[in-house]
Amino acid sequence: MGKRKRKQSIQVDRNSGTFVTPQGQVLPAGLEKYWRQRHNFFWRFDEGIIIDVEGWYSVTPEIIAEDTASRIAQLYNQGSSKDFGRICVVDACCGVGGNAIKFAEWCERVIAIDISAERLELARNNAEVYGVADRIEFILGDFFQLAPMLKADVVFMSPPWGGPEYIDAPVFDLSSLPFRTSQEWIDSARLVSKNIVCFMPRNCDPVQLAELYPEAPCEVELNYTTGFFKGITVYYSDLALFGGSSPRECKRLS
């Protein structure tokens, strides 16, 4: 039998309210629970992945990102999840690259956009760790300004939710996003493609999500990992026609 990996331990400095990871990153104490889940966000975290403070609580769990990417690839493959999808996906707010990396593994081309130069560089670094940076075009800019000039097969959006406090509300207010409303995000995405995917808080109202794009079919998928309800993925237009709307337990595919 092989040796079991030793758990990496950290200690929070109560005076400064921070802790230092074994990689030397200084993080606020409130991010300790996220750091302990680091391999859920990036399976290859120990190979050089870097996440900034905002990224720790905004990156999509990798198992959900892969599930989404494999389904998007079906748009080209007409329902088969086994083959590489020869399509272009725009990640409108790529953050540290969690979703863009998975899209690049499953699809031919990815356009990853972020308004933060620092976060875009982290996304590039993390894509290099996974060996897919050559299939991603990284663009520094505001998606709302770029949308009229873009064309793609699919637009993916996981807009900033406003921090972990979002979960305290009984129902997440779709007009309360820090940057524009959900309706504005959808309207801009429609300039790029009719096929839109959104990863949203688990306390969203599914009816309100469907009403953001009433002209198109809509599937609201409840994403579970290891039995825990993590978030909602919403598929619009052609992407809504590939499956049912029952709760979905995401499992690792690769």
C-alpha atoms as a PDB file:
ATOM      1  CA  MET A   1       0.000   0.000   0.000  1.00  0.00           C
ATOM      2  CA  GLY A   2       1.195   3.507  -0.767  1.00  0.00           C
ATOM      3  CA  LYS A   3       1.811   6.087   1.871  1.00  0.00           C
ATOM      4  CA  ARG A   4      -1.099   8.276   2.830  1.00  0.00           C
ATOM      5  CA  LYS A   5      -0.613  11.970   2.226  1.00  0.00           C
ATOM      6  CA  ARG A   6      -0.077  13.980   5.365  1.00  0.00           C
ATOM      7  CA  LYS A   7      -2.650  16.656   5.931  1.00  0.00           C
ATOM      8  CA  GLN A   8      -1.232  20.148   5.638  1.00  0.00           C
ATOM      9  CA  SER A   9      -1.939  22.028   8.849  1.00  0.00           C
ATOM     10  CA  ILE A  10      -2.365  25.761   9.336  1.00  0.00           C
ATOM     11  CA  GLN A  11      -2.697  27.952  12.369  1.00  0.00           C
ATOM     12  CA  VAL A  12      -4.689  31.163  12.525  1.00  0.00           C
ATOM     13  CA  ASP A  13      -2.983  34.181  14.091  1.00  0.00           C
ATOM     14  CA  ARG A  14      -5.751  35.635  16.246  1.00  0.00           C
ATOM     15  CA  ASN A  15      -3.905  38.949  16.620  1.00  0.00           C
ATOM     16  CA  SER A  16      -3.661  39.678  12.904  1.00  0.00           C
ATOM     17  CA  GLY A  17      -6.757  37.717  11.915  1.00  0.00           C
ATOM     18  CA  THR A  18      -4.807  35.868   9.206  1.00  0.00           C
ATOM     19  CA  PHE A  19      -3.209  32.512   8.514  1.00  0.00           C
ATOM     20  CA  VAL A  20      -0.344  31.471   6.269  1.00  0.00           C
ATOM     21  CA  THR A  21      -0.808  28.538   3.906  1.00  0.00           C
ATOM     22  CA  PRO A  22       1.997  26.004   3.378  1.00  0.00           C
ATOM     23  CA  GLN A  23       2.485  27.723   0.001  1.00  0.00           C
ATOM     24  CA  GLY A  24       3.224  30.999   1.815  1.00  0.00           C
ATOM     25  CA  GLN A  25       0.013  32.843   0.954  1.00  0.00           C
ATOM     26  CA  VAL A  26      -1.341  35.079   3.721  1.00  0.00           C
ATOM     27  CA  LEU A  27      -5.137  34.880   3.890  1.00  0.00           C
ATOM     28  CA  PRO A  28      -7.853  36.302   6.155  1.00  0.00           C
ATOM     29  CA  ALA A  29      -8.970  33.908   8.878  1.00  0.00           C
ATOM     30  CA  GLY A  30     -12.467  33.820   7.401  1.00  0.00           C
ATOM     31  CA  LEU A  31     -11.111  31.963   4.360  1.00  0.00           C
ATOM     32  CA  GLU A  32      -9.808  29.026   6.365  1.00  0.00           C
ATOM     33  CA  LYS A  33     -12.806  26.822   5.546  1.00  0.00           C
ATOM     34  CA  TYR A  34     -12.375  27.579   1.834  1.00  0.00           C
ATOM     35  CA  TRP A  35      -8.670  26.751   1.912  1.00  0.00           C
ATOM     36  CA  ARG A  36      -9.453  23.394   3.511  1.00  0.00           C
ATOM     37  CA  GLN A  37     -11.673  22.679   0.480  1.00  0.00           C
ATOM     38  CA  ARG A  38      -8.978  23.746  -2.017  1.00  0.00           C
ATOM     39  CA  HIS A  39      -8.917  20.409  -3.831  1.00  0.00           C
ATOM     40  CA  ASN A  40     -12.646  20.685  -4.419  1.00  0.00           C
ATOM     41  CA  PHE A  41     -12.005  23.932  -6.307  1.00  0.00           C
ATOM     42  CA  PHE A  42      -8.936  22.670  -8.188  1.00  0.00           C
ATOM     43  CA  TRP A  43      -7.989  19.003  -8.085  1.00  0.00           C
ATOM     44  CA  ARG A  44      -4.452  19.967  -9.115  1.00  0.00           C
ATOM     45  CA  PHE A  45      -4.139  22.734  -6.528  1.00  0.00           C
ATOM     46  CA  ASP A  46      -0.767  21.483  -5.212  1.00  0.00           C
ATOM     47  CA  GLU A  47       0.833  21.772  -8.666  1.00  0.00           C
ATOM     48  CA  GLY A  48       0.948  25.574  -8.666  1.00  0.00           C
ATOM     49  CA  ILE A  49      -2.623  26.854  -8.566  1.00  0.00           C
ATOM     50  CA  ILE A  50      -2.971  30.406  -7.216  1.00  0.00           C
ATOM     51  CA  ILE A  51      -6.243  31.889  -5.946  1.00  0.00           C
ATOM     52  CA  ASP A  52      -6.709  35.464  -4.735  1.00  0.00           C
ATOM     53  CA  VAL A  53      -8.956  36.419  -1.811  1.00  0.00           C
ATOM     54  CA  GLU A  54     -12.067  36.998  -3.926  1.00  0.00           C
ATOM     55  CA  GLY A  55     -11.416  33.853  -5.889  1.00  0.00           C
ATOM     56  CA  TRP A  56     -11.545  31.654  -2.802  1.00  0.00           C
ATOM     57  CA  TYR A  57     -15.235  32.253  -2.283  1.00  0.00           C
ATOM     58  CA  SER A  58     -16.274  32.793  -5.905  1.00  0.00           C
ATOM     59  CA  VAL A  59     -14.615  29.974  -7.879  1.00  0.00           C
ATOM     60  CA  THR A  60     -16.953  27.206  -9.019  1.00  0.00           C
ATOM     61  CA  PRO A  61     -16.230  23.771  -7.491  1.00  0.00           C
ATOM     62  CA  GLU A  62     -14.329  21.848 -10.153  1.00  0.00           C
ATOM     63  CA  ILE A  63     -16.717  18.926 -10.196  1.00  0.00           C
ATOM     64  CA  ILE A  64     -19.570  21.296 -11.138  1.00  0.00           C
ATOM     65  CA  ALA A  65     -17.420  23.162 -13.669  1.00  0.00           C
ATOM     66  CA  GLU A  66     -16.568  19.908 -15.415  1.00  0.00           C
ATOM     67  CA  ASP A  67     -20.185  18.774 -15.418  1.00  0.00           C
ATOM     68  CA  THR A  68     -21.202  22.060 -17.040  1.00  0.00           C
ATOM     69  CA  ALA A  69     -18.410  21.930 -19.614  1.00  0.00           C
ATOM     70  CA  SER A  70     -19.226  18.363 -20.643  1.00  0.00           C
ATOM     71  CA  ARG A  71     -22.846  19.317 -21.175  1.00  0.00           C
ATOM     72  CA  ILE A  72     -21.921  22.383 -23.225  1.00  0.00           C
ATOM     73  CA  ALA A  73     -19.804  20.137 -25.451  1.00  0.00           C
ATOM     74  CA  GLN A  74     -23.015  18.265 -26.314  1.00  0.00           C
ATOM     75  CA  LEU A  75     -24.206  21.285 -28.284  1.00  0.00           C
ATOM     76  CA  TYR A  76     -21.849  20.204 -31.045  1.00  0.00           C
ATOM     77  CA  ASN A  77     -22.062  16.466 -30.428  1.00  0.00           C
ATOM     78  CA  GLN A  78     -25.858  16.263 -30.517  1.00  0.00           C
ATOM     79  CA  GLY A  79     -26.333  14.671 -27.132  1.00  0.00           C
ATOM     80  CA  SER A  80     -23.154  12.608 -26.809  1.00  0.00           C
ATOM     81  CA  SER A  81     -20.980  13.608 -23.853  1.00  0.00           C
ATOM     82  CA  LYS A  82     -18.066  11.422 -24.981  1.00  0.00           C
ATOM     83  CA  ASP A  83     -16.533  13.587 -27.698  1.00  0.00           C
ATOM     84  CA  PHE A  84     -14.735  16.902 -27.783  1.00  0.00           C
ATOM     85  CA  GLY A  85     -17.052  19.800 -28.645  1.00  0.00           C
ATOM     86  CA  ARG A  86     -15.873  21.905 -31.593  1.00  0.00           C
ATOM     87  CA  ILE A  87     -17.463  25.068 -30.300  1.00  0.00           C
ATOM     88  CA  CYS A  88     -16.408  28.433 -28.911  1.00  0.00           C
ATOM     89  CA  VAL A  89     -17.393  29.384 -25.364  1.00  0.00           C
ATOM     90  CA  VAL A  90     -17.183  32.860 -23.872  1.00  0.00           C
ATOM     91  CA  ASP A  91     -16.602  32.986 -20.103  1.00  0.00           C
ATOM     92  CA  ALA A  92     -17.893  36.486 -19.383  1.00  0.00           C
ATOM     93  CA  CYS A  93     -16.349  36.856 -15.928  1.00  0.00           C
ATOM     94  CA  CYS A  94     -13.643  34.221 -15.693  1.00  0.00           C
ATOM     95  CA  GLY A  95     -12.145  35.071 -12.301  1.00  0.00           C
ATOM     96  CA  VAL A  96      -9.254  32.717 -11.492  1.00  0.00           C
ATOM     97  CA  GLY A  97     -10.191  30.387 -14.330  1.00  0.00           C
ATOM     98  CA  GLY A  98     -12.050  27.468 -12.779  1.00  0.00           C
ATOM     99  CA  ASN A  99     -14.732  27.260 -15.446  1.00  0.00           C
ATOM    100  CA  ALA A 100     -12.559  28.414 -18.366  1.00  0.00           C
ATOM    101  CA  ILE A 101     -10.128  25.554 -17.714  1.00  0.00           C
ATOM    102  CA  LYS A 102     -12.879  22.959 -17.901  1.00  0.00           C
ATOM    103  CA  PHE A 103     -14.337  24.529 -21.045  1.00  0.00           C
ATOM    104  CA  ALA A 104     -10.896  24.314 -22.654  1.00  0.00           C
ATOM    105  CA  GLU A 105     -10.708  20.612 -21.790  1.00  0.00           C
ATOM    106  CA  TRP A 106     -14.064  19.912 -23.429  1.00  0.00           C
ATOM    107  CA  CYS A 107     -14.398  22.554 -26.157  1.00  0.00           C
ATOM    108  CA  GLU A 108     -12.262  23.788 -29.029  1.00  0.00           C
ATOM    109  CA  ARG A 109     -11.905  27.456 -28.087  1.00  0.00           C
ATOM    110  CA  VAL A 110     -12.537  29.588 -25.014  1.00  0.00           C
ATOM    111  CA  ILE A 111     -12.608  33.370 -24.662  1.00  0.00           C
ATOM    112  CA  ALA A 112     -11.989  34.224 -21.010  1.00  0.00           C
ATOM    113  CA  ILE A 113     -12.829  37.788 -19.992  1.00  0.00           C
ATOM    114  CA  ASP A 114     -12.233  39.597 -16.721  1.00  0.00           C
ATOM    115  CA  ILE A 115     -12.075  43.226 -15.706  1.00  0.00           C
ATOM    116  CA  SER A 116      -9.197  42.548 -13.291  1.00  0.00           C
ATOM    117  CA  ALA A 117      -5.702  42.249 -14.785  1.00  0.00           C
ATOM    118  CA  GLU A 118      -4.441  40.468 -11.669  1.00  0.00           C
ATOM    119  CA  ARG A 119      -7.218  37.904 -11.732  1.00  0.00           C
ATOM    120  CA  LEU A 120      -6.763  37.328 -15.447  1.00  0.00           C
ATOM    121  CA  GLU A 121      -3.105  36.499 -14.855  1.00  0.00           C
ATOM    122  CA  LEU A 122      -4.103  34.043 -12.144  1.00  0.00           C
ATOM    123  CA  ALA A 123      -6.506  32.417 -14.610  1.00  0.00           C
ATOM    124  CA  ARG A 124      -3.677  32.156 -17.152  1.00  0.00           C
ATOM    125  CA  ASN A 125      -1.360  30.617 -14.545  1.00  0.00           C
ATOM    126  CA  ASN A 126      -3.965  28.094 -13.486  1.00  0.00           C
ATOM    127  CA  ALA A 127      -4.741  27.181 -17.105  1.00  0.00           C
ATOM    128  CA  GLU A 128      -1.039  26.507 -17.647  1.00  0.00           C
ATOM    129  CA  VAL A 129      -1.057  24.141 -14.665  1.00  0.00           C
ATOM    130  CA  TYR A 130      -3.814  22.180 -16.410  1.00  0.00           C
ATOM    131  CA  GLY A 131      -2.080  22.397 -19.801  1.00  0.00           C
ATOM    132  CA  VAL A 132      -4.943  24.158 -21.622  1.00  0.00           C
ATOM    133  CA  ALA A 133      -3.768  27.792 -21.796  1.00  0.00           C
ATOM    134  CA  ASP A 134      -3.175  27.469 -25.548  1.00  0.00           C
ATOM    135  CA  ARG A 135      -6.916  26.975 -26.139  1.00  0.00           C
ATOM    136  CA  ILE A 136      -7.944  30.035 -24.130  1.00  0.00           C
ATOM    137  CA  GLU A 137      -7.867  33.642 -25.340  1.00  0.00           C
ATOM    138  CA  PHE A 138      -7.556  35.858 -22.257  1.00  0.00           C
ATOM    139  CA  ILE A 139      -9.095  39.312 -22.658  1.00  0.00           C
ATOM    140  CA  LEU A 140      -8.818  42.117 -20.136  1.00  0.00           C
ATOM    141  CA  GLY A 141     -11.989  44.173 -20.303  1.00  0.00           C
ATOM    142  CA  ASP A 142     -15.592  44.790 -19.394  1.00  0.00           C
ATOM    143  CA  PHE A 143     -17.907  42.130 -20.825  1.00  0.00           C
ATOM    144  CA  PHE A 144     -20.700  44.681 -21.238  1.00  0.00           C
ATOM    145  CA  GLN A 145     -18.514  46.774 -23.521  1.00  0.00           C
ATOM    146  CA  LEU A 146     -17.087  43.786 -25.381  1.00  0.00           C
ATOM    147  CA  ALA A 147     -20.336  41.856 -25.918  1.00  0.00           C
ATOM    148  CA  PRO A 148     -21.454  43.754 -29.072  1.00  0.00           C
ATOM    149  CA  MET A 149     -18.168  42.786 -30.730  1.00  0.00           C
ATOM    150  CA  LEU A 150     -18.170  39.091 -29.776  1.00  0.00           C
ATOM    151  CA  LYS A 151     -19.649  36.032 -31.453  1.00  0.00           C
ATOM    152  CA  ALA A 152     -19.580  32.529 -29.976  1.00  0.00           C
ATOM    153  CA  ASP A 153     -21.632  29.362 -29.674  1.00  0.00           C
ATOM    154  CA  VAL A 154     -22.196  29.669 -25.920  1.00  0.00           C
ATOM    155  CA  VAL A 155     -21.876  32.355 -23.253  1.00  0.00           C
ATOM    156  CA  PHE A 156     -21.193  31.253 -19.702  1.00  0.00           C
ATOM    157  CA  MET A 157     -21.678  33.626 -16.797  1.00  0.00           C
ATOM    158  CA  SER A 158     -21.010  33.325 -13.092  1.00  0.00           C
ATOM    159  CA  PRO A 159     -21.288  36.999 -12.160  1.00  0.00           C
ATOM    160  CA  PRO A 160     -20.078  38.218  -8.748  1.00  0.00           C
ATOM    161  CA  TRP A 161     -22.743  37.403  -6.184  1.00  0.00           C
ATOM    162  CA  GLY A 162     -21.666  39.963  -3.579  1.00  0.00           C
ATOM    163  CA  GLY A 163     -19.670  37.749  -1.201  1.00  0.00           C
ATOM    164  CA  PRO A 164     -20.712  34.798   0.986  1.00  0.00           C
ATOM    165  CA  GLU A 165     -23.427  36.865   2.684  1.00  0.00           C
ATOM    166  CA  TYR A 166     -25.728  36.063  -0.260  1.00  0.00           C
ATOM    167  CA  ILE A 167     -26.800  32.841   1.424  1.00  0.00           C
ATOM    168  CA  ASP A 168     -28.314  34.664   4.415  1.00  0.00           C
ATOM    169  CA  ALA A 169     -31.300  35.832   2.374  1.00  0.00           C
ATOM    170  CA  PRO A 170     -34.315  33.477   2.042  1.00  0.00           C
ATOM    171  CA  VAL A 171     -34.343  34.239  -1.708  1.00  0.00           C
ATOM    172  CA  PHE A 172     -31.455  35.790  -3.628  1.00  0.00           C
ATOM    173  CA  ASP A 173     -32.479  39.080  -5.243  1.00  0.00           C
ATOM    174  CA  LEU A 174     -31.531  38.885  -8.922  1.00  0.00           C
ATOM    175  CA  SER A 175     -31.344  42.679  -9.081  1.00  0.00           C
ATOM    176  CA  SER A 176     -28.820  42.858  -6.216  1.00  0.00           C
ATOM    177  CA  LEU A 177     -25.658  41.754  -8.030  1.00  0.00           C
ATOM    178  CA  PRO A 178     -22.748  44.139  -7.324  1.00  0.00           C
ATOM    179  CA  PHE A 179     -22.215  44.836 -11.038  1.00  0.00           C
ATOM    180  CA  ARG A 180     -25.398  45.245 -13.059  1.00  0.00           C
ATOM    181  CA  THR A 181     -28.575  43.217 -12.625  1.00  0.00           C
ATOM    182  CA  SER A 182     -29.093  39.636 -13.746  1.00  0.00           C
ATOM    183  CA  GLN A 183     -31.316  40.940 -16.538  1.00  0.00           C
ATOM    184  CA  GLU A 184     -28.514  43.159 -17.821  1.00  0.00           C
ATOM    185  CA  TRP A 185     -26.107  40.205 -17.796  1.00  0.00           C
ATOM    186  CA  ILE A 186     -28.547  38.095 -19.813  1.00  0.00           C
ATOM    187  CA  ASP A 187     -29.353  40.886 -22.268  1.00  0.00           C
ATOM    188  CA  SER A 188     -25.643  41.445 -22.971  1.00  0.00           C
ATOM    189  CA  ALA A 189     -25.008  37.721 -23.367  1.00  0.00           C
ATOM    190  CA  ARG A 190     -27.783  37.513 -25.962  1.00  0.00           C
ATOM    191  CA  LEU A 191     -25.765  39.875 -28.149  1.00  0.00           C
ATOM    192  CA  VAL A 192     -23.126  37.130 -28.344  1.00  0.00           C
ATOM    193  CA  SER A 193     -25.191  33.940 -28.518  1.00  0.00           C
ATOM    194  CA  LYS A 194     -28.684  32.632 -27.875  1.00  0.00           C
ATOM    195  CA  ASN A 195     -27.169  29.754 -25.878  1.00  0.00           C
ATOM    196  CA  ILE A 196     -26.466  30.978 -22.354  1.00  0.00           C
ATOM    197  CA  VAL A 197     -25.427  29.247 -19.149  1.00  0.00           C
ATOM    198  CA  CYS A 198     -25.440  30.852 -15.701  1.00  0.00           C
ATOM    199  CA  PHE A 199     -24.077  29.501 -12.422  1.00  0.00           C
ATOM    200  CA  MET A 200     -26.105  31.174  -9.691  1.00  0.00           C
ATOM    201  CA  PRO A 201     -26.666  31.041  -5.901  1.00  0.00           C
ATOM    202  CA  ARG A 202     -28.671  28.098  -4.641  1.00  0.00           C
ATOM    203  CA  ASN A 203     -31.289  30.381  -3.088  1.00  0.00           C
ATOM    204  CA  CYS A 204     -32.368  31.919  -6.405  1.00  0.00           C
ATOM    205  CA  ASP A 205     -36.005  31.703  -7.456  1.00  0.00           C
ATOM    206  CA  PRO A 206     -36.150  29.340 -10.491  1.00  0.00           C
ATOM    207  CA  VAL A 207     -39.212  31.130 -11.861  1.00  0.00           C
ATOM    208  CA  GLN A 208     -37.369  34.467 -11.848  1.00  0.00           C
ATOM    209  CA  LEU A 209     -34.406  32.842 -13.596  1.00  0.00           C
ATOM    210  CA  ALA A 210     -36.675  31.572 -16.372  1.00  0.00           C
ATOM    211  CA  GLU A 211     -38.245  35.005 -16.725  1.00  0.00           C
ATOM    212  CA  LEU A 212     -34.860  36.565 -17.533  1.00  0.00           C
ATOM    213  CA  TYR A 213     -35.065  35.037 -21.032  1.00  0.00           C
ATOM    214  CA  PRO A 214     -38.748  34.232 -21.655  1.00  0.00           C
ATOM    215  CA  GLU A 215     -38.329  33.732 -25.404  1.00  0.00           C
ATOM    216  CA  ALA A 216     -36.132  30.652 -24.946  1.00  0.00           C
ATOM    217  CA  PRO A 217     -36.488  27.233 -23.319  1.00  0.00           C
ATOM    218  CA  CYS A 218     -34.955  27.193 -19.856  1.00  0.00           C
ATOM    219  CA  GLU A 219     -33.681  24.402 -17.624  1.00  0.00           C
ATOM    220  CA  VAL A 220     -32.851  25.123 -14.004  1.00  0.00           C
ATOM    221  CA  GLU A 221     -30.470  22.482 -12.687  1.00  0.00           C
ATOM    222  CA  LEU A 222     -29.814  22.018  -8.964  1.00  0.00           C
ATOM    223  CA  ASN A 223     -26.162  21.063  -8.441  1.00  0.00           C
ATOM    224  CA  TYR A 224     -25.238  18.735  -5.588  1.00  0.00           C
ATOM    225  CA  THR A 225     -21.782  17.466  -4.666  1.00  0.00           C
ATOM    226  CA  THR A 226     -21.383  14.707  -2.070  1.00  0.00           C
ATOM    227  CA  GLY A 227     -24.989  15.299  -1.072  1.00  0.00           C
ATOM    228  CA  PHE A 228     -24.666  19.046  -0.476  1.00  0.00           C
ATOM    229  CA  PHE A 229     -26.643  21.615  -2.471  1.00  0.00           C
ATOM    230  CA  LYS A 230     -23.961  23.898  -3.930  1.00  0.00           C
ATOM    231  CA  GLY A 231     -25.618  26.066  -6.550  1.00  0.00           C
ATOM    232  CA  ILE A 232     -27.926  26.381  -9.535  1.00  0.00           C
ATOM    233  CA  THR A 233     -26.906  26.102 -13.170  1.00  0.00           C
ATOM    234  CA  VAL A 234     -29.344  27.619 -15.636  1.00  0.00           C
ATOM    235  CA  TYR A 235     -29.328  26.575 -19.299  1.00  0.00           C
ATOM    236  CA  TYR A 236     -31.129  28.650 -21.922  1.00  0.00           C
ATOM    237  CA  SER A 237     -32.142  27.991 -25.531  1.00  0.00           C
ATOM    238  CA  ASP A 238     -30.676  24.916 -27.294  1.00  0.00           C
ATOM    239  CA  LEU A 239     -28.734  23.906 -24.178  1.00  0.00           C
ATOM    240  CA  ALA A 240     -31.992  23.494 -22.258  1.00  0.00           C
ATOM    241  CA  LEU A 241     -33.088  20.671 -24.554  1.00  0.00           C
ATOM    242  CA  PHE A 242     -30.478  18.081 -23.555  1.00  0.00           C
ATOM    243  CA  GLY A 243     -31.910  16.891 -20.248  1.00  0.00           C
ATOM    244  CA  GLY A 244     -34.482  17.064 -17.503  1.00  0.00           C
ATOM    245  CA  SER A 245     -34.793  19.537 -14.655  1.00  0.00           C
ATOM    246  CA  SER A 246     -34.343  17.131 -11.759  1.00  0.00           C
ATOM    247  CA  PRO A 247     -31.699  17.744  -9.074  1.00  0.00           C
ATOM    248  CA  ARG A 248     -28.298  16.620 -10.303  1.00  0.00           C
ATOM    249  CA  GLU A 249     -25.478  15.017  -8.339  1.00  0.00           C
ATOM    250  CA  CYS A 250     -22.257  16.153 -10.020  1.00  0.00           C
ATOM    251  CA  LYS A 251     -19.551  13.502 -10.308  1.00  0.00           C
ATOM    252  CA  ARG A 252     -16.017  13.626 -11.594  1.00  0.00           C
ATOM    253  CA  LEU A 253     -15.892  12.665 -15.275  1.00  0.00           C
ATOM    254  CA  SER A 254     -12.170  12.684 -16.029  1.00  0.00           C
END
